[in-house]
C-alpha atoms as a PDB file:
ATOM      1  CA  MET A   1       0.161   0.219   0.374  1.00  0.00           C
ATOM      2  CA  GLU A   2       1.175   3.595  -0.536  1.00  0.00           C
ATOM      3  CA  LEU A   3       0.155   6.900  -0.636  1.00  0.00           C
ATOM      4  CA  VAL A   4       0.860   9.844  -2.497  1.00  0.00           C
ATOM      5  CA  THR A   5       0.143  13.719  -2.588  1.00  0.00           C
ATOM      6  CA  PRO A   6       0.209  15.245  -6.194  1.00  0.00           C
ATOM      7  CA  ALA A   7       1.083  18.933  -6.035  1.00  0.00           C
ATOM      8  CA  THR A   8      -2.322  19.478  -8.063  1.00  0.00           C
ATOM      9  CA  PRO A   9      -5.463  17.773  -9.514  1.00  0.00           C
ATOM     10  CA  GLN A  10      -3.963  17.392 -13.057  1.00  0.00           C
ATOM     11  CA  ASP A  11      -0.957  15.542 -11.687  1.00  0.00           C
ATOM     12  CA  ALA A  12      -3.356  13.386  -9.584  1.00  0.00           C
ATOM     13  CA  GLN A  13      -5.292  12.818 -12.568  1.00  0.00           C
ATOM     14  CA  ALA A  14      -2.368  11.509 -14.635  1.00  0.00           C
ATOM     15  CA  LEU A  15      -1.230   9.597 -11.986  1.00  0.00           C
ATOM     16  CA  ALA A  16      -4.137   7.770 -11.826  1.00  0.00           C
ATOM     17  CA  ASP A  17      -4.310   7.259 -15.351  1.00  0.00           C
ATOM     18  CA  ARG A  18      -0.822   5.772 -15.191  1.00  0.00           C
ATOM     19  CA  LEU A  19      -1.950   3.440 -12.478  1.00  0.00           C
ATOM     20  CA  GLY A  20      -5.071   2.362 -13.530  1.00  0.00           C
ATOM     21  CA  ALA A  21      -6.805  -0.273 -11.456  1.00  0.00           C
ATOM     22  CA  ARG A  22      -4.043   0.171  -8.368  1.00  0.00           C
ATOM     23  CA  ALA A  23      -4.966   3.480  -8.132  1.00  0.00           C
ATOM     24  CA  ARG A  24      -7.418   4.888  -5.623  1.00  0.00           C
ATOM     25  CA  PHE A  25      -8.420   8.894  -4.771  1.00  0.00           C
ATOM     26  CA  ILE A  26      -8.794   8.916  -1.191  1.00  0.00           C
ATOM     27  CA  ALA A  27     -10.094  12.119   1.220  1.00  0.00           C
ATOM     28  CA  GLY A  28     -12.325  11.133   4.225  1.00  0.00           C
ATOM     29  CA  GLY A  29     -12.469   7.295   3.464  1.00  0.00           C
ATOM     30  CA  THR A  30     -15.426   6.598   4.865  1.00  0.00           C
ATOM     31  CA  LEU A  31     -16.582   4.871   2.014  1.00  0.00           C
ATOM     32  CA  LEU A  32     -13.547   3.347  -0.021  1.00  0.00           C
ATOM     33  CA  GLN A  33     -13.098   0.769   3.077  1.00  0.00           C
ATOM     34  CA  GLN A  34     -16.340  -1.171   2.117  1.00  0.00           C
ATOM     35  CA  GLU A  35     -14.448  -2.274  -1.082  1.00  0.00           C
ATOM     36  CA  TRP A  36     -11.946  -4.330   1.276  1.00  0.00           C
ATOM     37  CA  ASP A  37     -12.561  -7.886   2.525  1.00  0.00           C
ATOM     38  CA  GLU A  38     -10.688  -6.901   5.807  1.00  0.00           C
ATOM     39  CA  PRO A  39     -12.236  -3.314   6.625  1.00  0.00           C
ATOM     40  CA  ARG A  40      -8.911  -2.713   8.903  1.00  0.00           C
ATOM     41  CA  LEU A  41      -6.894  -3.468   6.079  1.00  0.00           C
ATOM     42  CA  ALA A  42      -6.194  -2.183   2.920  1.00  0.00           C
ATOM     43  CA  PRO A  43      -5.762  -4.527  -0.298  1.00  0.00           C
ATOM     44  CA  PRO A  44      -1.759  -4.357  -0.923  1.00  0.00           C
ATOM     45  CA  GLY A  45      -0.624  -2.982  -4.412  1.00  0.00           C
ATOM     46  CA  LEU A  46      -3.086   0.013  -3.933  1.00  0.00           C
ATOM     47  CA  CYS A  47      -1.974   3.573  -4.553  1.00  0.00           C
ATOM     48  CA  PHE A  48      -4.737   5.826  -2.364  1.00  0.00           C
ATOM     49  CA  ILE A  49      -4.135   9.466  -3.786  1.00  0.00           C
ATOM     50  CA  ASN A  50      -4.727  12.252  -1.359  1.00  0.00           C
ATOM     51  CA  VAL A  51      -7.000  14.533  -3.356  1.00  0.00           C
ATOM     52  CA  GLN A  52      -7.404  16.640   0.297  1.00  0.00           C
ATOM     53  CA  ALA A  53      -4.132  19.272  -0.342  1.00  0.00           C
ATOM     54  CA  TRP A  54      -5.613  21.529  -2.489  1.00  0.00           C
ATOM     55  CA  PRO A  55      -7.612  24.620  -1.022  1.00  0.00           C
ATOM     56  CA  GLU A  56      -9.782  24.536  -4.432  1.00  0.00           C
ATOM     57  CA  THR A  57     -11.570  21.933  -3.995  1.00  0.00           C
ATOM     58  CA  GLN A  58     -13.136  22.357  -0.479  1.00  0.00           C
ATOM     59  CA  ARG A  59     -14.059  26.311  -1.288  1.00  0.00           C
ATOM     60  CA  ILE A  60     -17.612  26.987  -1.093  1.00  0.00           C
ATOM     61  CA  ALA A  61     -18.059  29.906  -3.287  1.00  0.00           C
ATOM     62  CA  LEU A  62     -21.090  32.012  -5.407  1.00  0.00           C
ATOM     63  CA  GLY A  63     -20.216  32.852  -8.778  1.00  0.00           C
ATOM     64  CA  GLU A  64     -21.780  34.970 -11.369  1.00  0.00           C
ATOM     65  CA  ALA A  65     -24.015  32.231 -12.533  1.00  0.00           C
ATOM     66  CA  HIS A  66     -22.962  29.179 -10.230  1.00  0.00           C
ATOM     67  CA  LEU A  67     -22.648  27.843  -6.926  1.00  0.00           C
ATOM     68  CA  ARG A  68     -19.404  26.637  -6.278  1.00  0.00           C
ATOM     69  CA  ILE A  69     -18.774  23.773  -4.329  1.00  0.00           C
ATOM     70  CA  GLY A  70     -15.512  22.061  -3.973  1.00  0.00           C
ATOM     71  CA  ALA A  71     -15.321  18.236  -4.041  1.00  0.00           C
ATOM     72  CA  GLY A  72     -13.222  18.018  -0.745  1.00  0.00           C
ATOM     73  CA  ALA A  73     -15.327  20.115   1.141  1.00  0.00           C
ATOM     74  CA  ARG A  74     -16.870  18.145   4.195  1.00  0.00           C
ATOM     75  CA  LEU A  75     -20.210  16.803   4.176  1.00  0.00           C
ATOM     76  CA  GLU A  76     -21.415  18.420   7.435  1.00  0.00           C
ATOM     77  CA  THR A  77     -19.801  21.874   6.156  1.00  0.00           C
ATOM     78  CA  VAL A  78     -21.907  21.726   2.497  1.00  0.00           C
ATOM     79  CA  ARG A  79     -25.054  20.807   4.779  1.00  0.00           C
ATOM     80  CA  THR A  80     -24.651  23.776   6.899  1.00  0.00           C
ATOM     81  CA  HIS A  81     -22.884  26.378   4.540  1.00  0.00           C
ATOM     82  CA  ALA A  82     -25.134  29.502   4.063  1.00  0.00           C
ATOM     83  CA  LEU A  83     -24.694  29.411   0.503  1.00  0.00           C
ATOM     84  CA  VAL A  84     -25.754  25.768   0.465  1.00  0.00           C
ATOM     85  CA  LEU A  85     -29.226  26.684   2.071  1.00  0.00           C
ATOM     86  CA  ALA A  86     -29.762  29.816   0.094  1.00  0.00           C
ATOM     87  CA  HIS A  87     -29.138  27.960  -3.545  1.00  0.00           C
ATOM     88  CA  ALA A  88     -29.700  24.338  -2.945  1.00  0.00           C
ATOM     89  CA  PRO A  89     -31.420  23.563   0.212  1.00  0.00           C
ATOM     90  CA  LEU A  90     -32.444  20.501  -1.462  1.00  0.00           C
ATOM     91  CA  LEU A  91     -28.739  18.740  -1.087  1.00  0.00           C
ATOM     92  CA  SER A  92     -28.632  20.377   2.359  1.00  0.00           C
ATOM     93  CA  GLU A  93     -31.597  18.380   3.294  1.00  0.00           C
ATOM     94  CA  ALA A  94     -30.301  15.090   1.657  1.00  0.00           C
ATOM     95  CA  LEU A  95     -26.935  15.598   3.134  1.00  0.00           C
ATOM     96  CA  GLY A  96     -28.931  15.358   6.350  1.00  0.00           C
ATOM     97  CA  GLN A  97     -30.152  12.331   5.999  1.00  0.00           C
ATOM     98  CA  LEU A  98     -26.660  11.014   5.333  1.00  0.00           C
ATOM     99  CA  GLY A  99     -24.841   8.805   7.867  1.00  0.00           C
ATOM    100  CA  ALA A 100     -24.064   9.584  11.318  1.00  0.00           C
ATOM    101  CA  LEU A 101     -22.438  13.030  12.306  1.00  0.00           C
ATOM    102  CA  GLY A 102     -19.436  11.623  12.585  1.00  0.00           C
ATOM    103  CA  VAL A 103     -19.597  10.281   9.193  1.00  0.00           C
ATOM    104  CA  ARG A 104     -20.184  13.715   7.599  1.00  0.00           C
ATOM    105  CA  ARG A 105     -17.621  15.547   9.196  1.00  0.00           C
ATOM    106  CA  LEU A 106     -15.217  13.050   7.855  1.00  0.00           C
ATOM    107  CA  GLY A 107     -16.741  12.260   4.595  1.00  0.00           C
ATOM    108  CA  THR A 108     -16.336  14.845   1.434  1.00  0.00           C
ATOM    109  CA  LEU A 109     -19.159  15.605  -1.293  1.00  0.00           C
ATOM    110  CA  GLY A 110     -16.853  14.149  -4.149  1.00  0.00           C
ATOM    111  CA  GLY A 111     -16.391  10.886  -1.981  1.00  0.00           C
ATOM    112  CA  ASN A 112     -20.083  10.514  -2.056  1.00  0.00           C
ATOM    113  CA  VAL A 113     -20.735  11.358  -5.795  1.00  0.00           C
ATOM    114  CA  GLY A 114     -17.975   9.890  -6.815  1.00  0.00           C
ATOM    115  CA  TRP A 115     -19.249   6.087  -5.136  1.00  0.00           C
ATOM    116  CA  GLY A 116     -22.151   6.879  -7.370  1.00  0.00           C
ATOM    117  CA  MET A 117     -24.686   5.255  -4.591  1.00  0.00           C
ATOM    118  CA  GLY A 118     -24.552   8.262  -2.111  1.00  0.00           C
ATOM    119  CA  ASP A 119     -27.687  10.374  -1.339  1.00  0.00           C
ATOM    120  CA  SER A 120     -26.191  13.446  -2.807  1.00  0.00           C
ATOM    121  CA  ALA A 121     -25.707  12.071  -6.501  1.00  0.00           C
ATOM    122  CA  PRO A 122     -30.058  11.979  -7.291  1.00  0.00           C
ATOM    123  CA  VAL A 123     -30.286  15.233  -5.771  1.00  0.00           C
ATOM    124  CA  LEU A 124     -27.259  16.497  -7.865  1.00  0.00           C
ATOM    125  CA  LEU A 125     -28.322  15.392 -11.161  1.00  0.00           C
ATOM    126  CA  ALA A 126     -32.105  17.087 -10.383  1.00  0.00           C
ATOM    127  CA  LEU A 127     -30.333  19.798  -9.911  1.00  0.00           C
ATOM    128  CA  ASP A 128     -28.540  20.055 -13.303  1.00  0.00           C
ATOM    129  CA  ALA A 129     -25.207  19.900 -11.786  1.00  0.00           C
ATOM    130  CA  GLU A 130     -21.883  19.572 -13.638  1.00  0.00           C
ATOM    131  CA  ALA A 131     -18.950  18.544 -12.734  1.00  0.00           C
ATOM    132  CA  GLU A 132     -15.385  20.332 -12.625  1.00  0.00           C
ATOM    133  CA  LEU A 133     -12.681  17.690 -13.936  1.00  0.00           C
ATOM    134  CA  ALA A 134      -8.921  18.434 -12.682  1.00  0.00           C
ATOM    135  CA  ASP A 135      -8.193  19.829 -16.187  1.00  0.00           C
ATOM    136  CA  GLY A 136     -10.006  22.587 -15.702  1.00  0.00           C
ATOM    137  CA  THR A 137     -13.436  21.399 -18.072  1.00  0.00           C
ATOM    138  CA  ARG A 138     -16.598  21.275 -17.090  1.00  0.00           C
ATOM    139  CA  GLU A 139     -19.200  18.645 -18.337  1.00  0.00           C
ATOM    140  CA  PRO A 140     -23.366  17.683 -16.958  1.00  0.00           C
ATOM    141  CA  LEU A 141     -22.488  15.134 -14.003  1.00  0.00           C
ATOM    142  CA  GLU A 142     -24.949  12.717 -15.562  1.00  0.00           C
ATOM    143  CA  ARG A 143     -21.779  12.198 -18.466  1.00  0.00           C
ATOM    144  CA  THR A 144     -19.563  12.180 -15.842  1.00  0.00           C
ATOM    145  CA  LEU A 145     -21.017   8.853 -13.402  1.00  0.00           C
ATOM    146  CA  LEU A 146     -22.094   7.202 -17.121  1.00  0.00           C
ATOM    147  CA  ARG A 147     -18.196   6.977 -17.582  1.00  0.00           C
ATOM    148  CA  PRO A 148     -16.430   3.572 -16.920  1.00  0.00           C
ATOM    149  CA  VAL A 149     -13.786   4.883 -15.161  1.00  0.00           C
ATOM    150  CA  ARG A 150     -14.580   8.077 -13.081  1.00  0.00           C
ATOM    151  CA  PRO A 151     -12.238  10.943 -13.287  1.00  0.00           C
ATOM    152  CA  LEU A 152     -11.597  13.174 -10.317  1.00  0.00           C
ATOM    153  CA  MET A 153     -14.088  15.889  -9.577  1.00  0.00           C
ATOM    154  CA  VAL A 154     -12.710  18.930  -8.266  1.00  0.00           C
ATOM    155  CA  ALA A 155     -15.842  21.252  -7.797  1.00  0.00           C
ATOM    156  CA  PHE A 156     -19.732  20.688  -8.677  1.00  0.00           C
ATOM    157  CA  HIS A 157     -21.426  23.649  -9.763  1.00  0.00           C
ATOM    158  CA  LEU A 158     -25.140  24.378  -9.260  1.00  0.00           C
ATOM    159  CA  PRO A 159     -27.009  27.304 -11.330  1.00  0.00           C
ATOM    160  CA  ARG A 160     -27.921  29.772  -8.849  1.00  0.00           C
ATOM    161  CA  ALA A 161     -31.215  30.237  -7.087  1.00  0.00           C
ATOM    162  CA  ASP A 162     -31.440  33.827  -8.242  1.00  0.00           C
ATOM    163  CA  ALA A 163     -30.296  33.275 -11.621  1.00  0.00           C
ATOM    164  CA  ARG A 164     -33.210  30.981 -12.640  1.00  0.00           C
ATOM    165  CA  ARG A 165     -36.605  30.242 -11.474  1.00  0.00           C
ATOM    166  CA  PRO A 166     -37.749  29.058  -8.137  1.00  0.00           C
ATOM    167  CA  VAL A 167     -36.544  25.341  -7.451  1.00  0.00           C
ATOM    168  CA  HIS A 168     -39.422  23.291  -6.238  1.00  0.00           C
ATOM    169  CA  ALA A 169     -38.201  19.598  -5.647  1.00  0.00           C
ATOM    170  CA  VAL A 170     -38.315  16.768  -3.322  1.00  0.00           C
ATOM    171  CA  PHE A 171     -35.439  14.129  -1.936  1.00  0.00           C
ATOM    172  CA  GLU A 172     -36.891  10.645  -0.468  1.00  0.00           C
ATOM    173  CA  LYS A 173     -34.913   8.095   1.140  1.00  0.00           C
ATOM    174  CA  VAL A 174     -36.174   4.783   1.675  1.00  0.00           C
ATOM    175  CA  GLY A 175     -34.787   2.890   4.889  1.00  0.00           C
ATOM    176  CA  TYR A 176     -33.490   5.359   7.418  1.00  0.00           C
ATOM    177  CA  ARG A 177     -30.072   4.085   9.414  1.00  0.00           C
ATOM    178  CA  ALA A 178     -31.534   5.617  12.748  1.00  0.00           C
ATOM    179  CA  ALA A 179     -33.943   2.979  12.276  1.00  0.00           C
ATOM    180  CA  PHE A 180     -31.702   0.141  11.593  1.00  0.00           C
ATOM    181  CA  SER A 181     -32.586  -0.402   8.107  1.00  0.00           C
ATOM    182  CA  PRO A 182     -30.057   0.114   5.083  1.00  0.00           C
ATOM    183  CA  GLY A 183     -30.887   2.463   2.981  1.00  0.00           C
ATOM    184  CA  ARG A 184     -32.847   1.040  -0.357  1.00  0.00           C
ATOM    185  CA  LEU A 185     -33.208   3.698  -2.813  1.00  0.00           C
ATOM    186  CA  ARG A 186     -32.449   7.632  -2.882  1.00  0.00           C
ATOM    187  CA  LEU A 187     -35.399   9.510  -4.623  1.00  0.00           C
ATOM    188  CA  ALA A 188     -34.629  13.190  -6.180  1.00  0.00           C
ATOM    189  CA  LEU A 189     -37.529  15.251  -8.210  1.00  0.00           C
ATOM    190  CA  ARG A 190     -37.942  18.321  -9.245  1.00  0.00           C
ATOM    191  CA  TRP A 191     -41.122  19.490 -10.935  1.00  0.00           C
ATOM    192  CA  ARG A 192     -41.518  22.587 -13.650  1.00  0.00           C
ATOM    193  CA  ASP A 193     -43.266  25.205 -11.238  1.00  0.00           C
ATOM    194  CA  ALA A 194     -44.988  25.498  -7.246  1.00  0.00           C
ATOM    195  CA  ALA A 195     -48.547  23.669  -8.930  1.00  0.00           C
ATOM    196  CA  ARG A 196     -45.918  20.617  -9.306  1.00  0.00           C
ATOM    197  CA  GLY A 197     -48.934  17.818 -10.169  1.00  0.00           C
ATOM    198  CA  ARG A 198     -47.557  15.618 -12.894  1.00  0.00           C
ATOM    199  CA  ALA A 199     -45.168  18.696 -14.511  1.00  0.00           C
ATOM    200  CA  VAL A 200     -41.714  16.613 -13.251  1.00  0.00           C
ATOM    201  CA  VAL A 201     -38.828  17.938 -15.427  1.00  0.00           C
ATOM    202  CA  ARG A 202     -36.216  15.810 -13.245  1.00  0.00           C
ATOM    203  CA  ALA A 203     -36.007  12.591 -11.505  1.00  0.00           C
ATOM    204  CA  ALA A 204     -33.138  10.415 -10.628  1.00  0.00           C
ATOM    205  CA  ALA A 205     -32.696   7.700  -8.087  1.00  0.00           C
ATOM    206  CA  GLY A 206     -29.831   5.408  -7.223  1.00  0.00           C
ATOM    207  CA  ALA A 207     -29.492   2.640  -4.520  1.00  0.00           C
ATOM    208  CA  PRO A 208     -26.916   0.521  -3.181  1.00  0.00           C
ATOM    209  CA  GLY A 209     -25.306  -1.417  -6.414  1.00  0.00           C
ATOM    210  CA  VAL A 210     -27.185   0.836  -8.741  1.00  0.00           C
ATOM    211  CA  SER A 211     -25.286   4.154  -9.256  1.00  0.00           C
ATOM    212  CA  ALA A 212     -27.380   7.278  -9.625  1.00  0.00           C
ATOM    213  CA  VAL A 213     -29.227   7.977 -12.975  1.00  0.00           C
ATOM    214  CA  ARG A 214     -31.870  10.609 -14.620  1.00  0.00           C
ATOM    215  CA  LEU A 215     -35.066   8.365 -14.974  1.00  0.00           C
ATOM    216  CA  HIS A 216     -35.266   9.993 -18.214  1.00  0.00           C
ATOM    217  CA  ALA A 217     -38.680   7.175 -19.363  1.00  0.00           C
ATOM    218  CA  VAL A 218     -40.327   8.866 -16.491  1.00  0.00           C
ATOM    219  CA  GLU A 219     -39.520  12.353 -16.951  1.00  0.00           C
ATOM    220  CA  ALA A 220     -40.642  11.875 -20.747  1.00  0.00           C
ATOM    221  CA  LEU A 221     -44.038  10.110 -19.852  1.00  0.00           C
ATOM    222  CA  LEU A 222     -45.156  13.174 -17.031  1.00  0.00           C
ATOM    223  CA  ALA A 223     -44.113  15.505 -19.888  1.00  0.00           C
ATOM    224  CA  GLU A 224     -46.584  13.941 -22.557  1.00  0.00           C
ATOM    225  CA  PRO A 225     -49.764  15.719 -22.675  1.00  0.00           C
ATOM    226  CA  GLY A 226     -53.253  14.398 -22.510  1.00  0.00           C
ATOM    227  CA  PRO A 227     -54.593  11.901 -19.903  1.00  0.00           C
ATOM    228  CA  ARG A 228     -52.763  11.435 -16.653  1.00  0.00           C
ATOM    229  CA  PRO A 229     -50.409   7.877 -16.613  1.00  0.00           C
ATOM    230  CA  GLY A 230     -51.363   5.455 -13.769  1.00  0.00           C
ATOM    231  CA  LEU A 231     -49.287   3.734 -11.527  1.00  0.00           C
ATOM    232  CA  ALA A 232     -48.841   0.378 -13.887  1.00  0.00           C
ATOM    233  CA  ALA A 233     -47.095   3.131 -16.819  1.00  0.00           C
ATOM    234  CA  VAL A 234     -45.147   5.092 -14.313  1.00  0.00           C
ATOM    235  CA  ARG A 235     -43.419   1.797 -12.957  1.00  0.00           C
ATOM    236  CA  GLY A 236     -42.982   0.730 -16.588  1.00  0.00           C
ATOM    237  CA  ALA A 237     -40.940   3.781 -16.854  1.00  0.00           C
ATOM    238  CA  CYS A 238     -39.088   3.679 -13.899  1.00  0.00           C
ATOM    239  CA  LEU A 239     -38.344  -0.343 -14.898  1.00  0.00           C
ATOM    240  CA  ARG A 240     -36.253   1.671 -18.113  1.00  0.00           C
ATOM    241  CA  ALA A 241     -33.331   2.642 -15.513  1.00  0.00           C
ATOM    242  CA  LEU A 242     -33.815   0.341 -11.967  1.00  0.00           C
ATOM    243  CA  PRO A 243     -34.489  -3.417 -11.548  1.00  0.00           C
ATOM    244  CA  PRO A 244     -37.744  -4.389 -10.495  1.00  0.00           C
ATOM    245  CA  PRO A 245     -37.833  -4.154  -6.798  1.00  0.00           C
ATOM    246  CA  LEU A 246     -36.384  -0.830  -6.995  1.00  0.00           C
ATOM    247  CA  ALA A 247     -38.762   0.402  -9.922  1.00  0.00           C
ATOM    248  CA  LEU A 248     -41.614  -0.812  -7.607  1.00  0.00           C
ATOM    249  CA  ILE A 249     -40.611   1.948  -4.971  1.00  0.00           C
ATOM    250  CA  ALA A 250     -40.013   4.557  -7.154  1.00  0.00           C
ATOM    251  CA  SER A 251     -43.044   4.620  -8.524  1.00  0.00           C
ATOM    252  CA  ARG A 252     -45.026   4.300  -5.978  1.00  0.00           C
ATOM    253  CA  LEU A 253     -43.196   7.584  -4.149  1.00  0.00           C
ATOM    254  CA  ILE A 254     -43.250   9.141  -7.637  1.00  0.00           C
ATOM    255  CA  ALA A 255     -46.945   8.925  -8.620  1.00  0.00           C
ATOM    256  CA  GLY A 256     -47.592   9.842  -4.662  1.00  0.00           C
ATOM    257  CA  HIS A 257     -45.449  13.096  -5.132  1.00  0.00           C
ATOM    258  CA  CYS A 258     -47.384  13.907  -8.314  1.00  0.00           C
ATOM    259  CA  GLY A 259     -50.727  12.629  -7.494  1.00  0.00           C
ATOM    260  CA  LEU A 260     -51.297  10.037  -9.656  1.00  0.00           C
ATOM    261  CA  LEU A 261     -52.488   7.073  -7.179  1.00  0.00           C
END
């Protein structure tokens, strides 16, 4: 096992590209340990690339059109930050349901998103987040999560609340840690306007073993004019992206929030 601290995010990405499967980005390390057969002992041969050495990955700041949240910002810092509460309150709400306080104080937003199955990823997808990569380019987070090998994410950019129409959104988590039940599904929905109803413009979900994805078929179904769809139609749309047990849960949540039951 080796721990390396590159001088820049670009150096970190270049090192990861050279090492391939041996490389692991590490910040808080709260999720990485779940990959290990022995929870107290990292597998031999791995090179851990420390991504907590750069101030630009930890800052939360407001730009001309976007809120920029550094990927290295601690989850509890993100949850309680005034700019996040003002411009992305749904993200703060979701992080409040993530693990225990000790986990949130150690884990980072980038780690939770990079895992793909964390509570924050569906919310960021629903809010049209962009990922800032090590080379300074930005791309839709949806594209980053679909890459076969996820690159180092330096920050996330969300539209400012005062530069867009008001966001009407909800986050649902089925199975709460406080109830000694593992989280089975994370779902985020965003509506076109305050009337809500069936006018969902973004739907995203993730679960253990299922990386967060946009539910494009659900969005298309609810955008269609005409008679409102029934639960079976919503379930069929969910099945385009989720396995049957999760599609069943997601469809009921979506139908309930959209007044389709």
